[in-house]
Amino acid sequence: MALYVVAYPRFAAADARWIEDLRRRHDPQAGRLGAHVTLVFAARGVAVAAAADHLRAVAAATPPFAVDFTEVALRRGHDGESCYAYLLPARGGDALRALHAALNQDPFARSEHLAFEPHVTLGSSAEPGALSGLVARCSAPPPDVRAEIAALHLLGVDGADLTDLASAPLGQASITGRP
């Protein structure tokens, strides 16, 4: 089972509807989980209890923070073939980078680390042209989407199965879920 850590930004209702509508039409993952920022990617060989403890410690040391998403951009995937439409932050990106860095320590330090660009995926495709229209439509005028990052979630992915294993609110010492 691969472990992931994600944050689900809290969007205003109208922004959440806009984002999820785009994701339903353009992101095959939309049916599996809501709009999110992935902070730890596909960690293998990590004990769930150790991951949950680390999640709790990082979350307790991190106060909730705001993120302003103001750009939609096309990006190539790490495989060099797939393409993604990303909702990118202007303000709050540094806080997401710091959270990513803090989480990607032991027990996740031995995991494969990909270059990190904080984002919410709006769409993905093997064909770059399939998303260029989406990016153009979403960029004129540019979005002005504010969100709050207030919790972290530890997810387990085993094939098509996705399980929410634990969650921790930012700035608090409690944790819920199964460690």
Protein backbone atom coordinates (compact mmCIF):
# COMPACT_ATOMS: atom_id res chain seq x y z
CA MET A 1 0.00 0.00 0.00
CA ALA A 2 1.27 3.48 -0.88
CA LEU A 3 0.74 6.30 1.60
CA TYR A 4 -0.08 9.87 0.64
CA VAL A 5 -0.61 12.99 2.71
CA VAL A 6 -3.07 15.52 1.33
CA ALA A 7 -4.71 18.73 2.43
CA TYR A 8 -8.24 19.51 1.29
CA PRO A 9 -8.45 23.30 0.92
CA ARG A 10 -11.63 24.80 2.38
CA PHE A 11 -13.07 26.87 -0.45
CA ALA A 12 -16.05 29.21 -0.44
CA ALA A 13 -19.13 27.32 -1.69
CA ALA A 14 -19.20 28.97 -5.14
CA ASP A 15 -15.48 28.34 -5.67
CA ALA A 16 -15.81 24.72 -4.55
CA ARG A 17 -18.66 24.18 -7.06
CA TRP A 18 -16.58 25.74 -9.88
CA ILE A 19 -13.51 23.64 -9.06
CA GLU A 20 -15.38 20.36 -8.63
CA ASP A 21 -17.36 20.95 -11.85
CA LEU A 22 -14.09 21.39 -13.76
CA ARG A 23 -12.58 18.36 -12.08
CA ARG A 24 -15.62 16.17 -12.87
CA ARG A 25 -15.22 17.04 -16.55
CA HIS A 26 -11.41 16.96 -16.81
CA ASP A 27 -9.83 14.97 -13.95
CA PRO A 28 -10.25 11.18 -13.83
CA GLN A 29 -9.39 11.27 -10.09
CA ALA A 30 -12.35 13.55 -9.25
CA GLY A 31 -14.57 10.60 -8.36
CA ARG A 32 -11.99 9.20 -5.92
CA LEU A 33 -11.28 12.26 -3.78
CA GLY A 34 -12.10 15.95 -3.60
CA ALA A 35 -9.92 18.87 -4.65
CA HIS A 36 -6.66 18.55 -2.75
CA VAL A 37 -2.98 19.43 -2.50
CA THR A 38 -0.73 16.35 -2.37
CA LEU A 39 2.07 16.88 0.17
CA VAL A 40 3.54 13.34 0.39
CA PHE A 41 3.48 11.24 -2.76
CA ALA A 42 3.29 7.41 -2.89
CA ALA A 43 5.40 6.50 0.16
CA ARG A 44 5.99 2.75 0.33
CA GLY A 45 7.37 0.66 3.18
CA VAL A 46 6.24 3.17 5.82
CA ALA A 47 4.29 1.88 8.84
CA VAL A 48 0.87 3.48 9.10
CA ALA A 49 1.30 4.12 12.85
CA ALA A 50 4.62 5.95 12.29
CA ALA A 51 3.10 7.95 9.42
CA ALA A 52 0.09 8.91 11.57
CA ASP A 53 2.35 9.98 14.46
CA HIS A 54 4.43 12.13 12.09
CA LEU A 55 1.27 13.62 10.56
CA ARG A 56 0.04 14.55 14.05
CA ALA A 57 3.36 16.15 15.05
CA VAL A 58 3.65 18.24 11.88
CA ALA A 59 -0.01 19.27 12.02
CA ALA A 60 0.24 20.30 15.69
CA ALA A 61 3.24 22.55 14.88
CA THR A 62 1.55 24.20 11.89
CA PRO A 63 -1.19 26.81 12.32
CA PRO A 64 -4.01 26.93 9.76
CA PHE A 65 -3.25 29.30 6.89
CA ALA A 66 -4.88 30.94 3.88
CA VAL A 67 -4.02 30.26 0.25
CA ASP A 68 -4.99 32.50 -2.66
CA PHE A 69 -5.15 30.60 -5.95
CA THR A 70 -4.79 33.07 -8.83
CA GLU A 71 -3.49 31.14 -11.85
CA VAL A 72 -4.43 28.15 -13.97
CA ALA A 73 -1.48 26.70 -15.86
CA LEU A 74 -0.63 23.71 -18.03
CA ARG A 75 2.15 21.46 -16.69
CA ARG A 76 3.82 18.28 -17.97
CA GLY A 77 3.68 15.28 -15.67
CA HIS A 78 6.77 13.70 -14.13
CA ASP A 79 6.53 10.95 -16.75
CA GLY A 80 7.06 13.58 -19.47
CA GLU A 81 3.97 12.44 -21.37
CA SER A 82 0.86 13.31 -19.37
CA CYS A 83 -0.34 16.89 -18.95
CA TYR A 84 -2.17 18.60 -16.13
CA ALA A 85 -4.17 21.77 -15.61
CA TYR A 86 -3.11 23.15 -12.24
CA LEU A 87 -4.73 25.77 -10.04
CA LEU A 88 -1.68 27.55 -8.60
CA PRO A 89 -1.35 29.74 -5.51
CA ALA A 90 0.04 33.27 -5.35
CA ARG A 91 -0.19 33.71 -1.57
CA GLY A 92 0.20 30.65 0.66
CA GLY A 93 2.48 28.75 -1.71
CA ASP A 94 5.46 29.21 0.63
CA ALA A 95 3.44 27.81 3.55
CA LEU A 96 2.51 24.77 1.43
CA ARG A 97 6.19 24.29 0.48
CA ALA A 98 7.17 24.45 4.16
CA LEU A 99 4.48 21.92 5.06
CA HIS A 100 5.69 19.63 2.27
CA ALA A 101 9.29 19.89 3.53
CA ALA A 102 8.26 19.17 7.14
CA LEU A 103 6.19 16.14 6.15
CA ASN A 104 8.85 14.65 3.90
CA GLN A 105 11.14 13.84 6.85
CA ASP A 106 11.27 10.54 8.74
CA PRO A 107 9.34 8.30 8.33
CA PHE A 108 8.82 9.59 4.76
CA ALA A 109 12.47 10.60 4.18
CA ARG A 110 13.29 7.38 2.32
CA SER A 111 10.34 7.74 -0.05
CA GLU A 112 10.70 8.87 -3.64
CA HIS A 113 10.47 12.65 -3.76
CA LEU A 114 9.20 14.42 -6.84
CA ALA A 115 9.73 18.10 -7.55
CA PHE A 116 7.01 19.89 -5.58
CA GLU A 117 4.86 22.65 -7.00
CA PRO A 118 1.88 23.43 -4.75
CA HIS A 119 -1.35 23.08 -6.74
CA VAL A 120 -4.84 21.68 -7.03
CA THR A 121 -5.28 19.53 -10.14
CA LEU A 122 -8.22 20.63 -12.28
CA GLY A 123 -7.63 18.20 -15.14
CA SER A 124 -5.29 15.63 -16.64
CA SER A 125 -4.79 14.15 -20.07
CA ALA A 126 -2.27 12.26 -22.15
CA GLU A 127 -2.91 14.87 -24.86
CA PRO A 128 -1.67 18.44 -24.09
CA GLY A 129 -4.13 20.03 -26.52
CA ALA A 130 -7.05 18.56 -24.58
CA LEU A 131 -6.35 20.91 -21.65
CA SER A 132 -5.13 24.05 -23.41
CA GLY A 133 -8.71 25.24 -23.96
CA LEU A 134 -9.52 24.68 -20.28
CA VAL A 135 -6.46 26.69 -19.23
CA ALA A 136 -7.34 29.52 -21.63
CA ARG A 137 -10.98 29.66 -20.43
CA CYS A 138 -9.93 29.67 -16.78
CA SER A 139 -7.26 32.33 -17.28
CA ALA A 140 -9.35 35.11 -18.80
CA PRO A 141 -9.98 36.61 -16.35
CA PRO A 142 -7.60 34.84 -13.95
CA PRO A 143 -9.21 33.09 -10.99
CA ASP A 144 -9.33 34.68 -7.57
CA VAL A 145 -9.95 31.73 -5.27
CA ARG A 146 -9.25 31.91 -1.55
CA ALA A 147 -9.03 28.81 0.61
CA GLU A 148 -7.95 27.75 4.07
CA ILE A 149 -5.66 24.83 4.82
CA ALA A 150 -6.80 23.54 8.20
CA ALA A 151 -6.10 19.78 8.33
CA LEU A 152 -3.92 16.99 6.95
CA HIS A 153 -5.10 13.56 5.82
CA LEU A 154 -3.15 10.31 5.56
CA LEU A 155 -4.46 8.23 2.67
CA GLY A 156 -3.66 4.63 1.82
CA VAL A 157 -3.85 3.63 -1.84
CA ASP A 158 -3.83 -0.02 -2.82
CA GLY A 159 -4.69 -0.40 -6.49
CA ALA A 160 -8.13 1.14 -6.97
CA ASP A 161 -8.82 1.24 -3.21
CA LEU A 162 -8.31 4.55 -1.40
CA THR A 163 -8.68 4.66 2.39
CA ASP A 164 -8.57 7.69 4.69
CA LEU A 165 -6.33 6.27 7.44
CA ALA A 166 -5.93 9.30 9.72
CA SER A 167 -6.45 13.05 9.85
CA ALA A 168 -5.09 15.82 12.01
CA PRO A 169 -6.26 19.43 12.35
CA LEU A 170 -3.54 22.05 11.98
CA GLY A 171 -2.47 23.77 15.19
CA GLN A 172 -3.97 21.13 17.48
CA ALA A 173 -2.53 18.05 19.14
CA SER A 174 -5.43 15.66 18.43
CA ILE A 175 -5.74 13.08 15.67
CA THR A 176 -8.64 11.03 14.39
CA GLY A 177 -8.68 7.87 12.36
CA ARG A 178 -7.01 4.50 12.56
CA PRO A 179 -3.24 4.69 13.12
